[in-house]
Amino acid sequence: MPDSPQPSAPTQFKAGRTWRIGTEREVGWINAGVTPGRSVTASVPPVFAAYATLTFPLDLESSRVQMRDAEDRFDDALIRVLDNNTAPQPWWLGFLDTGASDVVMPDAPRVRVYNQYVLVQAGPQEARTWRSDEGRWFTALPELMFPTDRSWLLSSLWDDAWTAVGGSEDLIRALLNEPDLSAGAERTDPSVPDMWPSSLPEEMHKRLQR
């Protein structure tokens, strides 16, 4: 069921308006469903019809500045597919607080989902445009996103070079078939004990201290 606003819900002001800040109430279903380990269920609860991992644009010989165009195309494509497969409604955007990343609203209270996040109710446009280039990790998108009807969930854990998505079969198929995502997109499910994407080079194991 969609979340309903509460009179005491915290808010923050940005871009000329007030935004609702999420609390433990909005993420309780995630924390109750995930389990430690390397399966997709470490970041996405086993409540969806289908799952995929999407590897971020990577080139171990290129700098982050050189990869920026590819990362932006990835972000544009991902938001487009998610938006096209979601009924009109607000989204919850979770910006992971690593101590170096841009959490968009630094004075907002944090909520714990695996780690500390600033959780804001906004939408696809804000998801794509709010985060600055300073301190972003691979892409500019929030590390956690889901619509208020919880029809899908996207989650990138700390230091991961990919994001995991759970949702409908139609959504996962659309993600796998999107040209700007398909090179690093692959299907997974909760029965797979290790969701490390096959498209990641072996060197990433060492760099991410896995």
N, C-alpha and C. Protein backbone atom coordinates (compact mmCIF):
# COMPACT_ATOMS: atom_id res chain seq x y z
N MET A 1 0.85 -1.19 0.00
CA MET A 1 0.00 0.00 0.00
C MET A 1 0.88 1.25 0.00
N PRO A 2 0.47 2.29 -0.70
CA PRO A 2 1.26 3.52 -0.70
C PRO A 2 1.38 4.10 0.70
N ASP A 3 2.51 4.74 0.95
CA ASP A 3 2.71 5.40 2.24
C ASP A 3 1.85 6.65 2.31
N SER A 4 1.29 6.94 3.47
CA SER A 4 0.48 8.14 3.65
C SER A 4 1.23 9.10 4.56
N PRO A 5 1.27 10.39 4.22
CA PRO A 5 2.00 11.35 5.04
C PRO A 5 1.46 11.44 6.46
N GLN A 6 2.33 11.71 7.39
CA GLN A 6 1.93 11.91 8.77
C GLN A 6 2.21 13.36 9.15
N PRO A 7 1.37 13.95 10.00
CA PRO A 7 1.56 15.36 10.35
C PRO A 7 2.94 15.68 10.90
N SER A 8 3.55 14.70 11.61
CA SER A 8 4.84 14.95 12.24
C SER A 8 6.02 14.58 11.36
N ALA A 9 5.78 14.23 10.10
CA ALA A 9 6.87 13.81 9.23
C ALA A 9 7.88 14.93 9.06
N PRO A 10 9.18 14.64 9.19
CA PRO A 10 10.19 15.69 9.02
C PRO A 10 10.25 16.17 7.58
N THR A 11 10.66 17.39 7.38
CA THR A 11 10.76 17.97 6.05
C THR A 11 12.06 18.76 5.92
N GLN A 12 12.45 19.02 4.68
CA GLN A 12 13.60 19.86 4.37
C GLN A 12 13.24 20.73 3.17
N PHE A 13 13.87 21.89 3.11
CA PHE A 13 13.60 22.83 2.02
C PHE A 13 14.73 22.74 0.99
N LYS A 14 14.35 22.60 -0.30
CA LYS A 14 15.34 22.55 -1.39
C LYS A 14 14.65 22.92 -2.69
N ALA A 15 15.37 23.64 -3.53
CA ALA A 15 14.88 23.99 -4.87
C ALA A 15 13.52 24.67 -4.84
N GLY A 16 13.32 25.53 -3.85
CA GLY A 16 12.13 26.34 -3.81
C GLY A 16 10.90 25.69 -3.22
N ARG A 17 11.06 24.51 -2.61
CA ARG A 17 9.89 23.86 -2.01
C ARG A 17 10.31 22.96 -0.85
N THR A 18 9.31 22.47 -0.13
CA THR A 18 9.55 21.60 1.01
C THR A 18 9.36 20.15 0.60
N TRP A 19 10.27 19.30 1.06
CA TRP A 19 10.25 17.88 0.72
C TRP A 19 10.12 17.05 1.99
N ARG A 20 9.38 15.97 1.92
CA ARG A 20 9.22 15.07 3.06
C ARG A 20 10.45 14.19 3.20
N ILE A 21 10.93 14.04 4.42
CA ILE A 21 12.07 13.20 4.74
C ILE A 21 11.58 11.88 5.32
N GLY A 22 12.13 10.79 4.82
CA GLY A 22 11.70 9.47 5.26
C GLY A 22 12.21 9.10 6.64
N THR A 23 11.49 8.17 7.28
CA THR A 23 11.83 7.68 8.61
C THR A 23 11.92 6.16 8.57
N GLU A 24 12.12 5.57 9.74
CA GLU A 24 12.19 4.10 9.82
C GLU A 24 10.92 3.45 9.29
N ARG A 25 9.82 4.16 9.36
CA ARG A 25 8.55 3.61 8.88
C ARG A 25 8.61 3.26 7.40
N GLU A 26 9.28 4.09 6.61
CA GLU A 26 9.32 3.87 5.16
C GLU A 26 10.26 2.75 4.75
N VAL A 27 11.25 2.43 5.57
CA VAL A 27 12.23 1.42 5.18
C VAL A 27 12.14 0.14 6.01
N GLY A 28 11.16 0.06 6.90
CA GLY A 28 11.03 -1.13 7.73
C GLY A 28 10.88 -2.41 6.92
N TRP A 29 10.16 -2.33 5.81
CA TRP A 29 9.93 -3.53 4.99
C TRP A 29 11.23 -4.02 4.34
N ILE A 30 12.16 -3.09 4.08
CA ILE A 30 13.44 -3.50 3.51
C ILE A 30 14.29 -4.17 4.58
N ASN A 31 14.42 -3.51 5.72
CA ASN A 31 15.24 -4.06 6.79
C ASN A 31 14.74 -5.42 7.27
N ALA A 32 13.42 -5.61 7.22
CA ALA A 32 12.85 -6.89 7.66
C ALA A 32 13.05 -7.99 6.64
N GLY A 33 13.34 -7.62 5.39
CA GLY A 33 13.41 -8.62 4.34
C GLY A 33 14.80 -9.01 3.89
N VAL A 34 15.80 -8.14 4.09
CA VAL A 34 17.14 -8.47 3.62
C VAL A 34 17.86 -9.37 4.62
N THR A 35 18.84 -10.12 4.11
CA THR A 35 19.63 -11.03 4.93
C THR A 35 21.10 -10.88 4.60
N PRO A 36 21.99 -11.06 5.58
CA PRO A 36 23.42 -10.94 5.30
C PRO A 36 23.87 -11.98 4.27
N GLY A 37 24.88 -11.64 3.51
CA GLY A 37 25.41 -12.57 2.53
C GLY A 37 25.70 -11.89 1.21
N ARG A 38 25.85 -12.68 0.16
CA ARG A 38 26.20 -12.16 -1.16
C ARG A 38 25.12 -12.39 -2.20
N SER A 39 24.00 -12.94 -1.77
CA SER A 39 22.86 -13.06 -2.67
C SER A 39 22.24 -11.69 -2.88
N VAL A 40 21.35 -11.59 -3.88
CA VAL A 40 20.64 -10.34 -4.11
C VAL A 40 19.82 -9.93 -2.89
N THR A 41 19.49 -10.89 -2.03
CA THR A 41 18.70 -10.58 -0.84
C THR A 41 19.51 -9.84 0.22
N ALA A 42 20.82 -9.62 -0.02
CA ALA A 42 21.59 -8.78 0.88
C ALA A 42 21.20 -7.32 0.74
N SER A 43 20.58 -6.97 -0.40
CA SER A 43 20.20 -5.58 -0.61
C SER A 43 18.75 -5.40 -1.05
N VAL A 44 18.11 -6.47 -1.54
CA VAL A 44 16.73 -6.39 -2.02
C VAL A 44 15.94 -7.55 -1.42
N PRO A 45 14.84 -7.28 -0.70
CA PRO A 45 14.07 -8.37 -0.10
C PRO A 45 13.51 -9.33 -1.15
N PRO A 46 13.33 -10.60 -0.80
CA PRO A 46 12.82 -11.60 -1.75
C PRO A 46 11.29 -11.54 -1.89
N VAL A 47 10.78 -10.39 -2.32
CA VAL A 47 9.34 -10.21 -2.44
C VAL A 47 8.92 -9.86 -3.87
N PHE A 48 9.89 -9.87 -4.80
CA PHE A 48 9.61 -9.44 -6.16
C PHE A 48 9.56 -10.62 -7.13
N ALA A 49 8.95 -10.40 -8.28
CA ALA A 49 8.80 -11.46 -9.29
C ALA A 49 10.11 -11.74 -10.01
N ALA A 50 10.97 -10.73 -10.14
CA ALA A 50 12.21 -10.89 -10.91
C ALA A 50 13.28 -9.93 -10.37
N TYR A 51 14.55 -10.25 -10.71
CA TYR A 51 15.68 -9.49 -10.19
C TYR A 51 16.77 -9.36 -11.26
N ALA A 52 17.56 -8.33 -11.15
CA ALA A 52 18.71 -8.16 -12.05
C ALA A 52 19.80 -7.38 -11.33
N THR A 53 21.03 -7.53 -11.82
CA THR A 53 22.12 -6.65 -11.42
C THR A 53 22.53 -5.84 -12.63
N LEU A 54 22.86 -4.58 -12.41
CA LEU A 54 23.28 -3.66 -13.46
C LEU A 54 24.65 -3.12 -13.10
N THR A 55 25.67 -3.53 -13.85
CA THR A 55 27.02 -3.06 -13.58
C THR A 55 27.19 -1.64 -14.09
N PHE A 56 27.80 -0.80 -13.28
CA PHE A 56 28.07 0.58 -13.69
C PHE A 56 29.12 0.59 -14.80
N PRO A 57 29.15 1.65 -15.60
CA PRO A 57 30.19 1.75 -16.63
C PRO A 57 31.58 1.70 -16.01
N LEU A 58 32.42 0.80 -16.51
CA LEU A 58 33.75 0.60 -15.93
C LEU A 58 34.80 0.50 -17.04
N ASP A 59 35.94 1.08 -16.80
CA ASP A 59 37.12 0.92 -17.65
C ASP A 59 38.32 1.16 -16.75
N LEU A 60 38.99 0.07 -16.42
CA LEU A 60 40.07 0.18 -15.45
C LEU A 60 41.24 1.01 -15.95
N GLU A 61 41.29 1.31 -17.26
CA GLU A 61 42.36 2.11 -17.81
C GLU A 61 41.98 3.59 -17.93
N SER A 62 40.73 3.92 -17.61
CA SER A 62 40.25 5.30 -17.76
C SER A 62 40.01 5.93 -16.40
N SER A 63 40.15 7.23 -16.34
CA SER A 63 39.88 7.96 -15.11
C SER A 63 38.38 8.14 -14.94
N ARG A 64 37.99 8.56 -13.75
CA ARG A 64 36.57 8.80 -13.50
C ARG A 64 36.06 9.95 -14.36
N VAL A 65 36.90 10.94 -14.60
CA VAL A 65 36.49 12.06 -15.45
C VAL A 65 36.23 11.56 -16.87
N GLN A 66 37.08 10.68 -17.36
CA GLN A 66 36.91 10.13 -18.70
C GLN A 66 35.66 9.26 -18.81
N MET A 67 35.22 8.70 -17.70
CA MET A 67 34.04 7.81 -17.71
C MET A 67 32.74 8.57 -17.49
N ARG A 68 32.81 9.87 -17.26
CA ARG A 68 31.63 10.63 -16.87
C ARG A 68 30.50 10.56 -17.91
N ASP A 69 30.82 10.67 -19.21
CA ASP A 69 29.79 10.61 -20.24
C ASP A 69 29.08 9.26 -20.23
N ALA A 70 29.84 8.19 -20.08
CA ALA A 70 29.24 6.85 -20.04
C ALA A 70 28.36 6.69 -18.80
N GLU A 71 28.82 7.23 -17.67
CA GLU A 71 28.02 7.17 -16.45
C GLU A 71 26.72 7.95 -16.60
N ASP A 72 26.79 9.11 -17.25
CA ASP A 72 25.58 9.91 -17.45
C ASP A 72 24.59 9.19 -18.36
N ARG A 73 25.08 8.53 -19.41
CA ARG A 73 24.18 7.77 -20.28
C ARG A 73 23.53 6.63 -19.51
N PHE A 74 24.29 5.99 -18.64
CA PHE A 74 23.75 4.92 -17.79
C PHE A 74 22.63 5.47 -16.92
N ASP A 75 22.89 6.59 -16.25
CA ASP A 75 21.89 7.20 -15.37
C ASP A 75 20.63 7.58 -16.13
N ASP A 76 20.81 8.20 -17.30
CA ASP A 76 19.65 8.60 -18.11
C ASP A 76 18.81 7.39 -18.49
N ALA A 77 19.48 6.33 -18.93
CA ALA A 77 18.75 5.13 -19.37
C ALA A 77 18.03 4.46 -18.21
N LEU A 78 18.71 4.36 -17.07
CA LEU A 78 18.10 3.69 -15.92
C LEU A 78 16.86 4.44 -15.44
N ILE A 79 16.98 5.75 -15.29
CA ILE A 79 15.83 6.53 -14.85
C ILE A 79 14.70 6.44 -15.87
N ARG A 80 15.02 6.49 -17.15
CA ARG A 80 13.99 6.41 -18.19
C ARG A 80 13.22 5.09 -18.12
N VAL A 81 13.93 3.98 -17.98
CA VAL A 81 13.25 2.68 -17.92
C VAL A 81 12.40 2.57 -16.66
N LEU A 82 12.95 2.98 -15.53
CA LEU A 82 12.18 2.93 -14.28
C LEU A 82 10.92 3.79 -14.38
N ASP A 83 11.08 5.00 -14.90
CA ASP A 83 9.94 5.91 -15.01
C ASP A 83 8.88 5.36 -15.96
N ASN A 84 9.30 4.79 -17.08
CA ASN A 84 8.36 4.25 -18.06
C ASN A 84 7.61 3.03 -17.56
N ASN A 85 8.13 2.39 -16.52
CA ASN A 85 7.50 1.17 -15.99
C ASN A 85 6.93 1.38 -14.59
N THR A 86 6.64 2.63 -14.24
CA THR A 86 6.10 2.96 -12.92
C THR A 86 4.88 3.86 -13.08
N ALA A 87 3.81 3.53 -12.40
CA ALA A 87 2.63 4.40 -12.40
C ALA A 87 3.00 5.73 -11.76
N PRO A 88 2.37 6.84 -12.20
CA PRO A 88 2.69 8.15 -11.62
C PRO A 88 2.51 8.17 -10.10
N GLN A 89 3.55 8.52 -9.39
CA GLN A 89 3.55 8.54 -7.93
C GLN A 89 4.89 9.07 -7.45
N PRO A 90 4.99 9.47 -6.19
CA PRO A 90 6.30 9.87 -5.65
C PRO A 90 7.23 8.67 -5.53
N TRP A 91 8.51 8.96 -5.53
CA TRP A 91 9.54 7.96 -5.27
C TRP A 91 10.26 8.32 -3.98
N TRP A 92 10.78 7.30 -3.30
CA TRP A 92 11.70 7.52 -2.19
C TRP A 92 13.12 7.41 -2.71
N LEU A 93 13.93 8.43 -2.44
CA LEU A 93 15.32 8.49 -2.88
C LEU A 93 16.23 8.44 -1.66
N GLY A 94 17.11 7.45 -1.62
CA GLY A 94 18.01 7.30 -0.50
C GLY A 94 19.45 7.60 -0.90
N PHE A 95 20.03 8.63 -0.30
CA PHE A 95 21.40 9.04 -0.60
C PHE A 95 22.32 8.53 0.51
N LEU A 96 23.20 7.60 0.15
CA LEU A 96 24.07 6.95 1.12
C LEU A 96 25.08 7.94 1.69
N ASP A 97 25.18 7.98 3.01
CA ASP A 97 26.12 8.87 3.69
C ASP A 97 27.42 8.12 3.94
N THR A 98 28.39 8.30 3.04
CA THR A 98 29.70 7.66 3.20
C THR A 98 30.69 8.56 3.92
N GLY A 99 30.30 9.80 4.17
CA GLY A 99 31.22 10.76 4.74
C GLY A 99 31.88 11.60 3.67
N ALA A 100 31.82 11.12 2.41
CA ALA A 100 32.40 11.86 1.29
C ALA A 100 31.39 12.13 0.19
N SER A 101 30.31 11.36 0.15
CA SER A 101 29.32 11.49 -0.92
C SER A 101 28.39 12.67 -0.67
N ASP A 102 27.78 13.14 -1.74
CA ASP A 102 26.80 14.22 -1.66
C ASP A 102 25.46 13.62 -1.27
N VAL A 103 24.98 13.94 -0.07
CA VAL A 103 23.69 13.42 0.39
C VAL A 103 22.55 14.38 0.10
N VAL A 104 22.83 15.45 -0.65
CA VAL A 104 21.84 16.39 -1.18
C VAL A 104 21.27 17.32 -0.10
N MET A 105 20.86 16.74 1.03
CA MET A 105 20.33 17.52 2.13
C MET A 105 21.12 17.18 3.39
N PRO A 106 22.28 17.78 3.56
CA PRO A 106 23.19 17.38 4.64
C PRO A 106 22.64 17.57 6.04
N ASP A 107 21.67 18.45 6.22
CA ASP A 107 21.12 18.69 7.55
C ASP A 107 19.93 17.79 7.88
N ALA A 108 19.52 16.95 6.92
CA ALA A 108 18.35 16.09 7.14
C ALA A 108 18.71 14.94 8.09
N PRO A 109 17.74 14.47 8.88
CA PRO A 109 17.98 13.30 9.72
C PRO A 109 18.24 12.07 8.86
N ARG A 110 19.05 11.15 9.37
CA ARG A 110 19.37 9.92 8.64
C ARG A 110 18.42 8.78 9.03
N VAL A 111 18.33 7.83 8.10
CA VAL A 111 17.58 6.61 8.37
C VAL A 111 18.52 5.45 8.06
N ARG A 112 18.42 4.38 8.80
CA ARG A 112 19.34 3.26 8.60
C ARG A 112 18.71 2.17 7.73
N VAL A 113 19.38 1.90 6.60
CA VAL A 113 19.07 0.76 5.74
C VAL A 113 20.43 0.21 5.33
N TYR A 114 20.89 -0.85 5.96
CA TYR A 114 22.26 -1.35 5.80
C TYR A 114 23.26 -0.34 6.42
N ASN A 115 23.22 0.91 5.92
CA ASN A 115 24.04 2.01 6.43
C ASN A 115 23.16 3.24 6.61
N GLN A 116 23.76 4.40 6.79
CA GLN A 116 22.98 5.62 7.01
C GLN A 116 22.67 6.32 5.69
N TYR A 117 21.39 6.69 5.51
CA TYR A 117 20.94 7.36 4.30
C TYR A 117 20.14 8.61 4.67
N VAL A 118 20.17 9.59 3.76
CA VAL A 118 19.16 10.63 3.75
C VAL A 118 18.08 10.17 2.79
N LEU A 119 16.86 9.99 3.28
CA LEU A 119 15.76 9.46 2.49
C LEU A 119 14.75 10.57 2.23
N VAL A 120 14.51 10.87 0.96
CA VAL A 120 13.67 11.99 0.58
C VAL A 120 12.57 11.50 -0.37
N GLN A 121 11.35 11.98 -0.16
CA GLN A 121 10.27 11.66 -1.09
C GLN A 121 10.27 12.70 -2.21
N ALA A 122 10.57 12.24 -3.42
CA ALA A 122 10.66 13.14 -4.57
C ALA A 122 10.22 12.38 -5.81
N GLY A 123 11.04 12.34 -6.86
CA GLY A 123 10.64 11.67 -8.08
C GLY A 123 11.81 11.44 -9.01
N PRO A 124 11.55 10.95 -10.23
CA PRO A 124 12.64 10.61 -11.15
C PRO A 124 13.49 11.81 -11.56
N GLN A 125 12.90 12.96 -11.72
CA GLN A 125 13.68 14.13 -12.11
C GLN A 125 14.69 14.50 -11.03
N GLU A 126 14.26 14.47 -9.78
CA GLU A 126 15.17 14.79 -8.67
C GLU A 126 16.23 13.70 -8.52
N ALA A 127 15.84 12.46 -8.75
CA ALA A 127 16.81 11.37 -8.67
C ALA A 127 17.95 11.58 -9.65
N ARG A 128 17.62 12.11 -10.82
CA ARG A 128 18.64 12.29 -11.87
C ARG A 128 19.44 13.57 -11.71
N THR A 129 18.90 14.59 -11.10
CA THR A 129 19.55 15.91 -11.15
C THR A 129 20.06 16.45 -9.82
N TRP A 130 19.64 15.89 -8.70
CA TRP A 130 19.98 16.51 -7.42
C TRP A 130 21.44 16.37 -7.02
N ARG A 131 22.03 15.22 -7.26
CA ARG A 131 23.37 15.00 -6.74
C ARG A 131 24.41 15.69 -7.61
N SER A 132 25.36 16.34 -6.97
CA SER A 132 26.44 17.02 -7.68
C SER A 132 27.50 16.02 -8.13
N ASP A 133 28.40 16.48 -8.97
CA ASP A 133 29.50 15.63 -9.42
C ASP A 133 30.53 15.40 -8.32
N GLU A 134 30.54 16.25 -7.33
CA GLU A 134 31.53 16.13 -6.26
C GLU A 134 31.18 14.97 -5.33
N GLY A 135 32.10 14.04 -5.20
CA GLY A 135 31.92 12.96 -4.24
C GLY A 135 30.93 11.89 -4.65
N ARG A 136 30.56 11.83 -5.91
CA ARG A 136 29.64 10.77 -6.32
C ARG A 136 30.41 9.47 -6.57
N TRP A 137 29.71 8.35 -6.45
CA TRP A 137 30.35 7.05 -6.58
C TRP A 137 29.84 6.39 -7.86
N PHE A 138 30.65 6.35 -8.89
CA PHE A 138 30.33 5.80 -10.21
C PHE A 138 29.24 6.61 -10.93
N THR A 139 28.05 6.70 -10.38
CA THR A 139 27.01 7.48 -11.04
C THR A 139 26.46 8.50 -10.05
N ALA A 140 25.60 9.38 -10.56
CA ALA A 140 25.05 10.45 -9.72
C ALA A 140 23.73 10.06 -9.05
N LEU A 141 23.22 8.88 -9.35
CA LEU A 141 21.91 8.49 -8.84
C LEU A 141 21.94 8.15 -7.35
N PRO A 142 20.80 8.24 -6.67
CA PRO A 142 20.73 7.77 -5.28
C PRO A 142 21.06 6.28 -5.20
N GLU A 143 21.64 5.88 -4.09
CA GLU A 143 21.98 4.46 -3.91
C GLU A 143 20.76 3.60 -3.60
N LEU A 144 19.68 4.22 -3.18
CA LEU A 144 18.46 3.50 -2.84
C LEU A 144 17.28 4.24 -3.48
N MET A 145 16.43 3.51 -4.20
CA MET A 145 15.24 4.12 -4.80
C MET A 145 14.10 3.10 -4.82
N PHE A 146 12.90 3.59 -4.52
CA PHE A 146 11.70 2.78 -4.70
C PHE A 146 10.49 3.69 -4.73
N PRO A 147 9.46 3.34 -5.53
CA PRO A 147 8.24 4.15 -5.55
C PRO A 147 7.41 3.88 -4.31
N THR A 148 6.47 4.76 -4.02
CA THR A 148 5.70 4.60 -2.79
C THR A 148 4.85 3.35 -2.79
N ASP A 149 4.51 2.80 -3.97
CA ASP A 149 3.74 1.54 -3.97
C ASP A 149 4.64 0.31 -3.82
N ARG A 150 5.95 0.52 -3.73
CA ARG A 150 6.94 -0.55 -3.51
C ARG A 150 6.91 -1.59 -4.62
N SER A 151 6.59 -1.19 -5.82
CA SER A 151 6.53 -2.13 -6.94
C SER A 151 7.90 -2.53 -7.45
N TRP A 152 8.93 -1.81 -7.07
CA TRP A 152 10.31 -2.18 -7.37
C TRP A 152 11.23 -1.54 -6.33
N LEU A 153 12.45 -2.04 -6.28
CA LEU A 153 13.46 -1.49 -5.38
C LEU A 153 14.81 -1.58 -6.07
N LEU A 154 15.54 -0.48 -6.04
CA LEU A 154 16.91 -0.44 -6.56
C LEU A 154 17.84 -0.13 -5.40
N SER A 155 18.94 -0.88 -5.29
CA SER A 155 19.84 -0.69 -4.17
C SER A 155 21.28 -0.95 -4.58
N SER A 156 22.15 0.02 -4.27
CA SER A 156 23.60 -0.12 -4.47
C SER A 156 24.25 -0.05 -3.10
N LEU A 157 24.90 -1.12 -2.70
CA LEU A 157 25.55 -1.14 -1.39
C LEU A 157 26.89 -0.40 -1.45
N TRP A 158 27.40 -0.05 -0.29
CA TRP A 158 28.63 0.71 -0.15
C TRP A 158 29.78 0.01 -0.89
N ASP A 159 30.44 0.73 -1.79
CA ASP A 159 31.60 0.27 -2.56
C ASP A 159 31.26 -0.68 -3.70
N ASP A 160 30.00 -1.05 -3.88
CA ASP A 160 29.65 -1.92 -4.99
C ASP A 160 29.78 -1.18 -6.31
N ALA A 161 30.17 -1.90 -7.35
CA ALA A 161 30.28 -1.34 -8.70
C ALA A 161 29.06 -1.70 -9.53
N TRP A 162 27.99 -2.01 -8.87
CA TRP A 162 26.75 -2.37 -9.55
C TRP A 162 25.58 -2.00 -8.66
N THR A 163 24.38 -2.08 -9.24
CA THR A 163 23.15 -1.91 -8.46
C THR A 163 22.28 -3.14 -8.67
N ALA A 164 21.55 -3.51 -7.66
CA ALA A 164 20.62 -4.64 -7.73
C ALA A 164 19.19 -4.09 -7.81
N VAL A 165 18.36 -4.73 -8.61
CA VAL A 165 16.99 -4.28 -8.79
C VAL A 165 16.04 -5.47 -8.65
N GLY A 166 14.97 -5.27 -7.90
CA GLY A 166 13.89 -6.24 -7.85
C GLY A 166 12.61 -5.56 -8.31
N GLY A 167 11.79 -6.28 -9.08
CA GLY A 167 10.56 -5.68 -9.57
C GLY A 167 9.75 -6.67 -10.36
N SER A 168 8.87 -6.17 -11.21
CA SER A 168 8.05 -7.03 -12.04
C SER A 168 8.88 -7.65 -13.16
N GLU A 169 8.35 -8.71 -13.74
CA GLU A 169 9.03 -9.33 -14.87
C GLU A 169 9.18 -8.34 -16.02
N ASP A 170 8.15 -7.53 -16.25
CA ASP A 170 8.21 -6.54 -17.34
C ASP A 170 9.32 -5.51 -17.10
N LEU A 171 9.45 -5.05 -15.86
CA LEU A 171 10.49 -4.07 -15.57
C LEU A 171 11.87 -4.67 -15.77
N ILE A 172 12.11 -5.85 -15.24
CA ILE A 172 13.43 -6.47 -15.37
C ILE A 172 13.75 -6.74 -16.83
N ARG A 173 12.77 -7.17 -17.61
CA ARG A 173 13.00 -7.40 -19.04
C ARG A 173 13.37 -6.10 -19.74
N ALA A 174 12.69 -5.02 -19.37
CA ALA A 174 12.99 -3.73 -19.98
C ALA A 174 14.41 -3.27 -19.64
N LEU A 175 14.85 -3.49 -18.42
CA LEU A 175 16.20 -3.13 -18.03
C LEU A 175 17.24 -3.95 -18.79
N LEU A 176 16.98 -5.24 -18.93
CA LEU A 176 17.92 -6.12 -19.63
C LEU A 176 18.02 -5.79 -21.11
N ASN A 177 16.94 -5.25 -21.68
CA ASN A 177 16.90 -4.96 -23.11
C ASN A 177 17.29 -3.54 -23.47
N GLU A 178 17.48 -2.68 -22.48
CA GLU A 178 17.84 -1.29 -22.75
C GLU A 178 19.29 -1.22 -23.27
N PRO A 179 19.51 -0.67 -24.48
CA PRO A 179 20.86 -0.68 -25.07
C PRO A 179 21.94 -0.05 -24.20
N ASP A 180 21.63 1.00 -23.46
CA ASP A 180 22.64 1.66 -22.64
C ASP A 180 22.86 0.98 -21.29
N LEU A 181 22.14 -0.12 -21.05
CA LEU A 181 22.31 -0.88 -19.81
C LEU A 181 22.70 -2.34 -20.07
N SER A 182 22.34 -2.85 -21.23
CA SER A 182 22.38 -4.29 -21.48
C SER A 182 23.77 -4.91 -21.39
N ALA A 183 24.83 -4.13 -21.69
CA ALA A 183 26.18 -4.70 -21.64
C ALA A 183 26.55 -5.18 -20.24
N GLY A 184 26.03 -4.52 -19.23
CA GLY A 184 26.34 -4.91 -17.85
C GLY A 184 25.15 -5.38 -17.07
N ALA A 185 24.07 -5.76 -17.76
CA ALA A 185 22.84 -6.19 -17.09
C ALA A 185 22.69 -7.70 -17.16
N GLU A 186 22.36 -8.31 -16.05
CA GLU A 186 22.10 -9.75 -16.06
C GLU A 186 21.09 -10.11 -14.98
N ARG A 187 20.34 -11.14 -15.29
CA ARG A 187 19.29 -11.59 -14.38
C ARG A 187 19.90 -12.38 -13.22
N THR A 188 19.30 -12.26 -12.07
CA THR A 188 19.68 -13.06 -10.92
C THR A 188 18.42 -13.39 -10.14
N ASP A 189 18.55 -14.09 -9.04
CA ASP A 189 17.40 -14.38 -8.18
C ASP A 189 17.91 -14.78 -6.80
N PRO A 190 17.03 -14.83 -5.81
CA PRO A 190 17.48 -15.11 -4.43
C PRO A 190 18.16 -16.45 -4.24
N SER A 191 17.99 -17.40 -5.18
CA SER A 191 18.62 -18.71 -5.02
C SER A 191 20.10 -18.70 -5.40
N VAL A 192 20.55 -17.62 -6.07
CA VAL A 192 21.96 -17.52 -6.45
C VAL A 192 22.75 -17.04 -5.23
N PRO A 193 23.68 -17.85 -4.72
CA PRO A 193 24.35 -17.49 -3.46
C PRO A 193 25.29 -16.30 -3.57
N ASP A 194 25.79 -16.00 -4.77
CA ASP A 194 26.71 -14.89 -4.95
C ASP A 194 26.30 -14.13 -6.20
N MET A 195 25.84 -12.89 -6.03
CA MET A 195 25.33 -12.14 -7.18
C MET A 195 26.41 -11.30 -7.85
N TRP A 196 27.68 -11.55 -7.55
CA TRP A 196 28.75 -10.80 -8.19
C TRP A 196 28.56 -10.87 -9.70
N PRO A 197 28.33 -9.75 -10.38
CA PRO A 197 28.03 -9.78 -11.82
C PRO A 197 29.18 -10.34 -12.64
N SER A 198 28.87 -11.18 -13.61
CA SER A 198 29.91 -11.80 -14.43
C SER A 198 30.61 -10.79 -15.33
N SER A 199 29.99 -9.64 -15.56
CA SER A 199 30.60 -8.63 -16.42
C SER A 199 31.71 -7.84 -15.72
N LEU A 200 31.85 -8.00 -14.41
CA LEU A 200 32.89 -7.27 -13.69
C LEU A 200 34.24 -7.96 -13.87
N PRO A 201 35.28 -7.21 -14.22
CA PRO A 201 36.61 -7.82 -14.37
C PRO A 201 37.13 -8.34 -13.04
N GLU A 202 37.97 -9.36 -13.12
CA GLU A 202 38.52 -9.98 -11.91
C GLU A 202 39.25 -8.96 -11.04
N GLU A 203 39.85 -7.97 -11.68
CA GLU A 203 40.60 -6.95 -10.94
C GLU A 203 39.71 -6.20 -9.95
N MET A 204 38.40 -6.11 -10.26
CA MET A 204 37.50 -5.40 -9.36
C MET A 204 37.37 -6.11 -8.02
N HIS A 205 37.55 -7.42 -7.99
CA HIS A 205 37.54 -8.15 -6.73
C HIS A 205 38.59 -7.57 -5.78
N LYS A 206 39.77 -7.31 -6.33
CA LYS A 206 40.87 -6.79 -5.51
C LYS A 206 40.61 -5.33 -5.13
N ARG A 207 40.18 -4.55 -6.09
CA ARG A 207 39.99 -3.12 -5.84
C ARG A 207 38.88 -2.85 -4.83
N LEU A 208 37.86 -3.69 -4.84
CA LEU A 208 36.75 -3.51 -3.90
C LEU A 208 36.95 -4.34 -2.63
N GLN A 209 38.15 -4.97 -2.51
CA GLN A 209 38.51 -5.72 -1.30
C GLN A 209 37.50 -6.82 -0.98
N ARG A 210 37.06 -7.51 -2.01
CA ARG A 210 36.08 -8.58 -1.84
C ARG A 210 36.78 -9.86 -1.50
